[in-house]
PDB file of N, CA and C in Angstrom:
ATOM      1  N   UNK A   1     109.464  77.291  90.796  1.00  0.00           N
ATOM      2  CA  UNK A   1     109.028  78.605  90.422  1.00  0.00           C
ATOM      3  C   UNK A   1     107.754  78.997  91.174  1.00  0.00           C
ATOM      4  N   UNK A   2     106.823  78.076  91.318  1.00  0.00           N
ATOM      5  CA  UNK A   2     105.573  78.368  92.000  1.00  0.00           C
ATOM      6  C   UNK A   2     105.566  77.740  93.378  1.00  0.00           C
ATOM      7  N   UNK A   3     105.045  78.457  94.365  1.00  0.00           N
ATOM      8  CA  UNK A   3     104.810  77.899  95.678  1.00  0.00           C
ATOM      9  C   UNK A   3     103.353  77.491  95.753  1.00  0.00           C
ATOM     10  N   UNK A   4     103.018  76.623  96.659  1.00  0.00           N
ATOM     11  CA  UNK A   4     101.625  76.200  96.773  1.00  0.00           C
ATOM     12  C   UNK A   4     101.161  76.274  98.215  1.00  0.00           C
ATOM     13  N   UNK A   5      99.874  76.461  98.374  1.00  0.00           N
ATOM     14  CA  UNK A   5      99.218  76.392  99.670  1.00  0.00           C
ATOM     15  C   UNK A   5      97.938  75.634  99.460  1.00  0.00           C
ATOM     16  N   UNK A   6      97.645  74.707 100.338  1.00  0.00           N
ATOM     17  CA  UNK A   6      96.446  73.910 100.186  1.00  0.00           C
ATOM     18  C   UNK A   6      95.487  74.178 101.333  1.00  0.00           C
ATOM     19  N   UNK A   7      94.242  74.539 100.998  1.00  0.00           N
ATOM     20  CA  UNK A   7      93.195  74.660 102.008  1.00  0.00           C
ATOM     21  C   UNK A   7      92.601  73.281 102.252  1.00  0.00           C
ATOM     22  N   UNK A   8      92.431  72.947 103.480  1.00  0.00           N
ATOM     23  CA  UNK A   8      91.748  71.709 103.825  1.00  0.00           C
ATOM     24  C   UNK A   8      90.265  72.031 104.009  1.00  0.00           C
ATOM     25  N   UNK A   9      89.425  71.041 103.917  1.00  0.00           N
ATOM     26  CA  UNK A   9      87.980  71.258 103.981  1.00  0.00           C
ATOM     27  C   UNK A   9      87.542  71.944 105.268  1.00  0.00           C
ATOM     28  N   UNK A  10      88.259  71.766 106.341  1.00  0.00           N
ATOM     29  CA  UNK A  10      87.847  72.367 107.608  1.00  0.00           C
ATOM     30  C   UNK A  10      88.697  73.580 108.007  1.00  0.00           C
ATOM     31  N   UNK A  11      89.501  74.121 107.084  1.00  0.00           N
ATOM     32  CA  UNK A  11      90.286  75.318 107.391  1.00  0.00           C
ATOM     33  C   UNK A  11      89.355  76.484 107.683  1.00  0.00           C
ATOM     34  N   UNK A  12      89.732  77.300 108.622  1.00  0.00           N
ATOM     35  CA  UNK A  12      88.956  78.484 108.962  1.00  0.00           C
ATOM     36  C   UNK A  12      89.517  79.674 108.212  1.00  0.00           C
ATOM     37  N   UNK A  13      88.631  80.480 107.654  1.00  0.00           N
ATOM     38  CA  UNK A  13      89.021  81.723 107.011  1.00  0.00           C
ATOM     39  C   UNK A  13      88.555  82.842 107.918  1.00  0.00           C
ATOM     40  N   UNK A  14      89.485  83.604 108.490  1.00  0.00           N
ATOM     41  CA  UNK A  14      89.143  84.673 109.422  1.00  0.00           C
ATOM     42  C   UNK A  14      88.960  85.966 108.665  1.00  0.00           C
ATOM     43  N   UNK A  15      87.955  86.724 109.034  1.00  0.00           N
ATOM     44  CA  UNK A  15      87.786  88.045 108.441  1.00  0.00           C
ATOM     45  C   UNK A  15      88.353  89.056 109.416  1.00  0.00           C
ATOM     46  N   UNK A  16      89.290  89.844 108.961  1.00  0.00           N
ATOM     47  CA  UNK A  16      90.004  90.797 109.790  1.00  0.00           C
ATOM     48  C   UNK A  16      89.072  91.881 110.319  1.00  0.00           C
ATOM     49  N   UNK A  17      89.193  92.207 111.595  1.00  0.00           N
ATOM     50  CA  UNK A  17      88.459  93.283 112.263  1.00  0.00           C
ATOM     51  C   UNK A  17      86.970  93.027 112.450  1.00  0.00           C
ATOM     52  N   UNK A  18      86.483  91.877 112.104  1.00  0.00           N
ATOM     53  CA  UNK A  18      85.051  91.634 112.261  1.00  0.00           C
ATOM     54  C   UNK A  18      84.793  90.617 113.373  1.00  0.00           C
ATOM     55  N   UNK A  19      85.805  89.849 113.718  1.00  0.00           N
ATOM     56  CA  UNK A  19      85.719  88.823 114.748  1.00  0.00           C
ATOM     57  C   UNK A  19      84.646  87.783 114.452  1.00  0.00           C
ATOM     58  N   UNK A  20      84.452  87.512 113.191  1.00  0.00           N
ATOM     59  CA  UNK A  20      83.598  86.412 112.764  1.00  0.00           C
ATOM     60  C   UNK A  20      84.468  85.487 111.925  1.00  0.00           C
ATOM     61  N   UNK A  21      84.058  84.259 111.817  1.00  0.00           N
ATOM     62  CA  UNK A  21      84.787  83.372 110.915  1.00  0.00           C
ATOM     63  C   UNK A  21      83.809  82.514 110.133  1.00  0.00           C
ATOM     64  N   UNK A  22      84.277  82.083 108.997  1.00  0.00           N
ATOM     65  CA  UNK A  22      83.499  81.214 108.144  1.00  0.00           C
ATOM     66  C   UNK A  22      84.343  79.981 107.875  1.00  0.00           C
ATOM     67  N   UNK A  23      83.696  78.884 107.651  1.00  0.00           N
ATOM     68  CA  UNK A  23      84.393  77.680 107.239  1.00  0.00           C
ATOM     69  C   UNK A  23      84.215  77.522 105.743  1.00  0.00           C
ATOM     70  N   UNK A  24      85.225  77.003 105.082  1.00  0.00           N
ATOM     71  CA  UNK A  24      85.157  76.834 103.642  1.00  0.00           C
ATOM     72  C   UNK A  24      83.883  76.094 103.256  1.00  0.00           C
ATOM     73  N   UNK A  25      83.501  75.089 103.996  1.00  0.00           N
ATOM     74  CA  UNK A  25      82.319  74.307 103.653  1.00  0.00           C
ATOM     75  C   UNK A  25      81.015  75.074 103.842  1.00  0.00           C
ATOM     76  N   UNK A  26      81.053  76.248 104.499  1.00  0.00           N
ATOM     77  CA  UNK A  26      79.844  77.032 104.719  1.00  0.00           C
ATOM     78  C   UNK A  26      79.522  77.974 103.555  1.00  0.00           C
ATOM     79  N   UNK A  27      80.402  78.112 102.566  1.00  0.00           N
ATOM     80  CA  UNK A  27      80.108  78.966 101.419  1.00  0.00           C
ATOM     81  C   UNK A  27      79.006  78.324 100.592  1.00  0.00           C
ATOM     82  N   UNK A  28      78.170  79.157  99.980  1.00  0.00           N
ATOM     83  CA  UNK A  28      77.129  78.600  99.128  1.00  0.00           C
ATOM     84  C   UNK A  28      77.756  77.973  97.890  1.00  0.00           C
ATOM     85  N   UNK A  29      77.027  77.069  97.273  1.00  0.00           N
ATOM     86  CA  UNK A  29      77.532  76.288  96.146  1.00  0.00           C
ATOM     87  C   UNK A  29      77.941  77.171  94.978  1.00  0.00           C
ATOM     88  N   UNK A  30      77.143  78.193  94.669  1.00  0.00           N
ATOM     89  CA  UNK A  30      77.474  79.072  93.547  1.00  0.00           C
ATOM     90  C   UNK A  30      78.789  79.804  93.792  1.00  0.00           C
ATOM     91  N   UNK A  31      78.985  80.273  95.023  1.00  0.00           N
ATOM     92  CA  UNK A  31      80.230  80.952  95.358  1.00  0.00           C
ATOM     93  C   UNK A  31      81.415  79.997  95.238  1.00  0.00           C
ATOM     94  N   UNK A  32      81.257  78.789  95.720  1.00  0.00           N
ATOM     95  CA  UNK A  32      82.344  77.809  95.617  1.00  0.00           C
ATOM     96  C   UNK A  32      82.663  77.494  94.164  1.00  0.00           C
ATOM     97  N   UNK A  33      81.631  77.412  93.325  1.00  0.00           N
ATOM     98  CA  UNK A  33      81.869  77.154  91.900  1.00  0.00           C
ATOM     99  C   UNK A  33      82.665  78.290  91.275  1.00  0.00           C
ATOM    100  N   UNK A  34      82.335  79.531  91.636  1.00  0.00           N
ATOM    101  CA  UNK A  34      83.084  80.688  91.129  1.00  0.00           C
ATOM    102  C   UNK A  34      84.537  80.638  91.597  1.00  0.00           C
ATOM    103  N   UNK A  35      84.735  80.331  92.890  1.00  0.00           N
ATOM    104  CA  UNK A  35      86.098  80.231  93.416  1.00  0.00           C
ATOM    105  C   UNK A  35      86.892  79.149  92.699  1.00  0.00           C
ATOM    106  N   UNK A  36      86.282  77.995  92.515  1.00  0.00           N
ATOM    107  CA  UNK A  36      86.969  76.891  91.844  1.00  0.00           C
ATOM    108  C   UNK A  36      87.355  77.271  90.419  1.00  0.00           C
ATOM    109  N   UNK A  37      86.462  77.986  89.721  1.00  0.00           N
ATOM    110  CA  UNK A  37      86.756  78.404  88.349  1.00  0.00           C
ATOM    111  C   UNK A  37      87.913  79.396  88.325  1.00  0.00           C
ATOM    112  N   UNK A  38      87.927  80.325  89.278  1.00  0.00           N
ATOM    113  CA  UNK A  38      89.018  81.306  89.335  1.00  0.00           C
ATOM    114  C   UNK A  38      90.343  80.629  89.650  1.00  0.00           C
ATOM    115  N   UNK A  39      90.317  79.676  90.561  1.00  0.00           N
ATOM    116  CA  UNK A  39      91.542  78.956  90.912  1.00  0.00           C
ATOM    117  C   UNK A  39      92.014  78.136  89.714  1.00  0.00           C
ATOM    118  N   UNK A  40      91.096  77.429  89.068  1.00  0.00           N
ATOM    119  CA  UNK A  40      91.466  76.590  87.927  1.00  0.00           C
ATOM    120  C   UNK A  40      92.053  77.408  86.787  1.00  0.00           C
ATOM    121  N   UNK A  41      91.547  78.615  86.592  1.00  0.00           N
ATOM    122  CA  UNK A  41      92.050  79.461  85.508  1.00  0.00           C
ATOM    123  C   UNK A  41      93.345  80.173  85.878  1.00  0.00           C
ATOM    124  N   UNK A  42      93.699  80.136  87.170  1.00  0.00           N
ATOM    125  CA  UNK A  42      94.905  80.824  87.623  1.00  0.00           C
ATOM    126  C   UNK A  42      94.684  82.307  87.867  1.00  0.00           C
ATOM    127  N   UNK A  43      93.427  82.726  87.931  1.00  0.00           N
ATOM    128  CA  UNK A  43      93.107  84.145  88.049  1.00  0.00           C
ATOM    129  C   UNK A  43      92.620  84.571  89.427  1.00  0.00           C
ATOM    130  N   UNK A  44      92.687  83.714  90.420  1.00  0.00           N
ATOM    131  CA  UNK A  44      92.099  84.065  91.713  1.00  0.00           C
ATOM    132  C   UNK A  44      92.748  85.301  92.336  1.00  0.00           C
ATOM    133  N   UNK A  45      94.073  85.331  92.396  1.00  0.00           N
ATOM    134  CA  UNK A  45      94.749  86.441  93.065  1.00  0.00           C
ATOM    135  C   UNK A  45      94.438  87.775  92.383  1.00  0.00           C
ATOM    136  N   UNK A  46      94.483  87.793  91.059  1.00  0.00           N
ATOM    137  CA  UNK A  46      94.268  89.051  90.347  1.00  0.00           C
ATOM    138  C   UNK A  46      92.794  89.450  90.385  1.00  0.00           C
ATOM    139  N   UNK A  47      91.887  88.485  90.404  1.00  0.00           N
ATOM    140  CA  UNK A  47      90.462  88.801  90.544  1.00  0.00           C
ATOM    141  C   UNK A  47      90.194  89.437  91.895  1.00  0.00           C
ATOM    142  N   UNK A  48      90.770  88.870  92.939  1.00  0.00           N
ATOM    143  CA  UNK A  48      90.623  89.436  94.278  1.00  0.00           C
ATOM    144  C   UNK A  48      91.250  90.826  94.349  1.00  0.00           C
ATOM    145  N   UNK A  49      92.423  90.992  93.741  1.00  0.00           N
ATOM    146  CA  UNK A  49      93.082  92.297  93.726  1.00  0.00           C
ATOM    147  C   UNK A  49      92.215  93.342  93.026  1.00  0.00           C
ATOM    148  N   UNK A  50      91.561  92.960  91.954  1.00  0.00           N
ATOM    149  CA  UNK A  50      90.699  93.888  91.218  1.00  0.00           C
ATOM    150  C   UNK A  50      89.511  94.318  92.066  1.00  0.00           C
ATOM    151  N   UNK A  51      88.909  93.370  92.773  1.00  0.00           N
ATOM    152  CA  UNK A  51      87.782  93.699  93.649  1.00  0.00           C
ATOM    153  C   UNK A  51      88.230  94.635  94.778  1.00  0.00           C
ATOM    154  N   UNK A  52      89.386  94.354  95.344  1.00  0.00           N
ATOM    155  CA  UNK A  52      89.901  95.217  96.407  1.00  0.00           C
ATOM    156  C   UNK A  52      90.300  96.590  95.879  1.00  0.00           C
ATOM    157  N   UNK A  53      90.768  96.648  94.641  1.00  0.00           N
ATOM    158  CA  UNK A  53      91.119  97.937  94.060  1.00  0.00           C
ATOM    159  C   UNK A  53      89.880  98.824  93.914  1.00  0.00           C
ATOM    160  N   UNK A  54      88.759  98.235  93.543  1.00  0.00           N
ATOM    161  CA  UNK A  54      87.506  99.001  93.481  1.00  0.00           C
ATOM    162  C   UNK A  54      87.169  99.594  94.844  1.00  0.00           C
ATOM    163  N   UNK A  55      87.298  98.779  95.895  1.00  0.00           N
ATOM    164  CA  UNK A  55      87.049  99.279  97.255  1.00  0.00           C
ATOM    165  C   UNK A  55      88.054 100.352  97.647  1.00  0.00           C
ATOM    166  N   UNK A  56      89.293 100.138  97.280  1.00  0.00           N
ATOM    167  CA  UNK A  56      90.353 101.082  97.617  1.00  0.00           C
ATOM    168  C   UNK A  56      90.083 102.455  97.016  1.00  0.00           C
ATOM    169  N   UNK A  57      89.642 102.477  95.763  1.00  0.00           N
ATOM    170  CA  UNK A  57      89.353 103.749  95.109  1.00  0.00           C
ATOM    171  C   UNK A  57      88.199 104.474  95.800  1.00  0.00           C
ATOM    172  N   UNK A  58      87.216 103.718  96.276  1.00  0.00           N
ATOM    173  CA  UNK A  58      86.097 104.323  97.001  1.00  0.00           C
ATOM    174  C   UNK A  58      86.549 104.880  98.351  1.00  0.00           C
ATOM    175  N   UNK A  59      87.540 104.243  98.959  1.00  0.00           N
ATOM    176  CA  UNK A  59      88.039 104.672 100.261  1.00  0.00           C
ATOM    177  C   UNK A  59      89.039 105.823 100.198  1.00  0.00           C
ATOM    178  N   UNK A  60      89.597 106.069  99.042  1.00  0.00           N
ATOM    179  CA  UNK A  60      90.716 107.006  98.908  1.00  0.00           C
ATOM    180  C   UNK A  60      90.464 108.344  99.595  1.00  0.00           C
ATOM    181  N   UNK A  61      89.289 108.912  99.429  1.00  0.00           N
ATOM    182  CA  UNK A  61      89.021 110.227 100.011  1.00  0.00           C
ATOM    183  C   UNK A  61      88.443 110.156 101.413  1.00  0.00           C
ATOM    184  N   UNK A  62      87.645 109.136 101.688  1.00  0.00           N
ATOM    185  CA  UNK A  62      86.976 109.092 102.993  1.00  0.00           C
ATOM    186  C   UNK A  62      87.787 108.395 104.076  1.00  0.00           C
ATOM    187  N   UNK A  63      88.735 107.542 103.676  1.00  0.00           N
ATOM    188  CA  UNK A  63      89.546 106.821 104.663  1.00  0.00           C
ATOM    189  C   UNK A  63      90.926 106.539 104.066  1.00  0.00           C
ATOM    190  N   UNK A  64      91.787 107.563 104.032  1.00  0.00           N
ATOM    191  CA  UNK A  64      93.105 107.406 103.392  1.00  0.00           C
ATOM    192  C   UNK A  64      93.935 106.249 103.941  1.00  0.00           C
ATOM    193  N   UNK A  65      93.896 106.015 105.247  1.00  0.00           N
ATOM    194  CA  UNK A  65      94.684 104.919 105.823  1.00  0.00           C
ATOM    195  C   UNK A  65      94.183 103.568 105.311  1.00  0.00           C
ATOM    196  N   UNK A  66      92.875 103.419 105.202  1.00  0.00           N
ATOM    197  CA  UNK A  66      92.305 102.181 104.661  1.00  0.00           C
ATOM    198  C   UNK A  66      92.699 101.993 103.204  1.00  0.00           C
ATOM    199  N   UNK A  67      92.714 103.075 102.470  1.00  0.00           N
ATOM    200  CA  UNK A  67      93.117 103.048 101.063  1.00  0.00           C
ATOM    201  C   UNK A  67      94.567 102.560 100.938  1.00  0.00           C
ATOM    202  N   UNK A  68      95.445 103.089 101.758  1.00  0.00           N
ATOM    203  CA  UNK A  68      96.861 102.697 101.712  1.00  0.00           C
ATOM    204  C   UNK A  68      97.019 101.221 102.078  1.00  0.00           C
ATOM    205  N   UNK A  69      96.294 100.778 103.094  1.00  0.00           N
ATOM    206  CA  UNK A  69      96.355  99.363 103.492  1.00  0.00           C
ATOM    207  C   UNK A  69      95.897  98.454 102.360  1.00  0.00           C
ATOM    208  N   UNK A  70      94.793  98.814 101.725  1.00  0.00           N
ATOM    209  CA  UNK A  70      94.305  97.997 100.610  1.00  0.00           C
ATOM    210  C   UNK A  70      95.283  98.002  99.440  1.00  0.00           C
ATOM    211  N   UNK A  71      95.915  99.113  99.178  1.00  0.00           N
ATOM    212  CA  UNK A  71      96.889  99.165  98.091  1.00  0.00           C
ATOM    213  C   UNK A  71      98.072  98.230  98.365  1.00  0.00           C
ATOM    214  N   UNK A  72      98.482  98.103  99.605  1.00  0.00           N
ATOM    215  CA  UNK A  72      99.558  97.163  99.966  1.00  0.00           C
ATOM    216  C   UNK A  72      99.108  95.724  99.752  1.00  0.00           C
ATOM    217  N   UNK A  73      97.867  95.432 100.128  1.00  0.00           N
ATOM    218  CA  UNK A  73      97.320  94.079  99.927  1.00  0.00           C
ATOM    219  C   UNK A  73      97.231  93.780  98.431  1.00  0.00           C
ATOM    220  N   UNK A  74      96.800  94.756  97.660  1.00  0.00           N
ATOM    221  CA  UNK A  74      96.706  94.587  96.203  1.00  0.00           C
ATOM    222  C   UNK A  74      98.081  94.293  95.607  1.00  0.00           C
ATOM    223  N   UNK A  75      99.102  94.983  96.080  1.00  0.00           N
ATOM    224  CA  UNK A  75     100.472  94.721  95.601  1.00  0.00           C
ATOM    225  C   UNK A  75     100.900  93.298  95.956  1.00  0.00           C
ATOM    226  N   UNK A  76     100.558  92.842  97.160  1.00  0.00           N
ATOM    227  CA  UNK A  76     100.878  91.465  97.561  1.00  0.00           C
ATOM    228  C   UNK A  76     100.173  90.464  96.649  1.00  0.00           C
ATOM    229  N   UNK A  77      98.904  90.705  96.366  1.00  0.00           N
ATOM    230  CA  UNK A  77      98.146  89.794  95.513  1.00  0.00           C
ATOM    231  C   UNK A  77      98.703  89.779  94.088  1.00  0.00           C
ATOM    232  N   UNK A  78      99.127  90.912  93.605  1.00  0.00           N
ATOM    233  CA  UNK A  78      99.745  90.963  92.271  1.00  0.00           C
ATOM    234  C   UNK A  78     101.035  90.144  92.249  1.00  0.00           C
ATOM    235  N   UNK A  79     101.815  90.255  93.319  1.00  0.00           N
ATOM    236  CA  UNK A  79     103.040  89.447  93.430  1.00  0.00           C
ATOM    237  C   UNK A  79     102.690  87.955  93.430  1.00  0.00           C
ATOM    238  N   UNK A  80     101.682  87.589  94.237  1.00  0.00           N
ATOM    239  CA  UNK A  80     101.278  86.188  94.291  1.00  0.00           C
ATOM    240  C   UNK A  80     100.791  85.697  92.934  1.00  0.00           C
ATOM    241  N   UNK A  81     100.023  86.534  92.227  1.00  0.00           N
ATOM    242  CA  UNK A  81      99.523  86.161  90.903  1.00  0.00           C
ATOM    243  C   UNK A  81     100.677  85.824  89.964  1.00  0.00           C
ATOM    244  N   UNK A  82     101.742  86.590  90.051  1.00  0.00           N
ATOM    245  CA  UNK A  82     102.875  86.404  89.141  1.00  0.00           C
ATOM    246  C   UNK A  82     103.833  85.305  89.567  1.00  0.00           C
ATOM    247  N   UNK A  83     103.771  84.872  90.824  1.00  0.00           N
ATOM    248  CA  UNK A  83     104.781  83.937  91.318  1.00  0.00           C
ATOM    249  C   UNK A  83     104.265  82.641  91.926  1.00  0.00           C
ATOM    250  N   UNK A  84     102.971  82.533  92.141  1.00  0.00           N
ATOM    251  CA  UNK A  84     102.422  81.344  92.808  1.00  0.00           C
ATOM    252  C   UNK A  84     101.166  80.864  92.119  1.00  0.00           C
ATOM    253  N   UNK A  85     100.826  79.618  92.389  1.00  0.00           N
ATOM    254  CA  UNK A  85      99.586  79.007  91.947  1.00  0.00           C
ATOM    255  C   UNK A  85      98.933  78.373  93.159  1.00  0.00           C
ATOM    256  N   UNK A  86      97.623  78.313  93.139  1.00  0.00           N
ATOM    257  CA  UNK A  86      96.899  77.557  94.172  1.00  0.00           C
ATOM    258  C   UNK A  86      96.730  76.156  93.616  1.00  0.00           C
ATOM    259  N   UNK A  87      97.077  75.180  94.412  1.00  0.00           N
ATOM    260  CA  UNK A  87      96.954  73.797  93.975  1.00  0.00           C
ATOM    261  C   UNK A  87      96.194  73.013  95.037  1.00  0.00           C
ATOM    262  N   UNK A  88      95.240  72.245  94.612  1.00  0.00           N
ATOM    263  CA  UNK A  88      94.451  71.443  95.534  1.00  0.00           C
ATOM    264  C   UNK A  88      95.286  70.310  96.087  1.00  0.00           C
TER     265      UNK A  88
END
């Protein structure tokens, strides 16, 4: 029923359109603790979707194309929330 994806300690997380990257180990400890708590509770995908929805609503009038793109990502995250779990 659930699919899994595992991040390794040295996996790179790319930020789209910024041409910068961060390594998982470069996040501050407090941020990592928050991420771990969200993953453990099973709420990571929906928490991320909620944050993106806030941005999407702000973009709706000033950048309609960005708003539409974020809404598609939010739909994907909602699907993932309902069908997948992150497992270490």
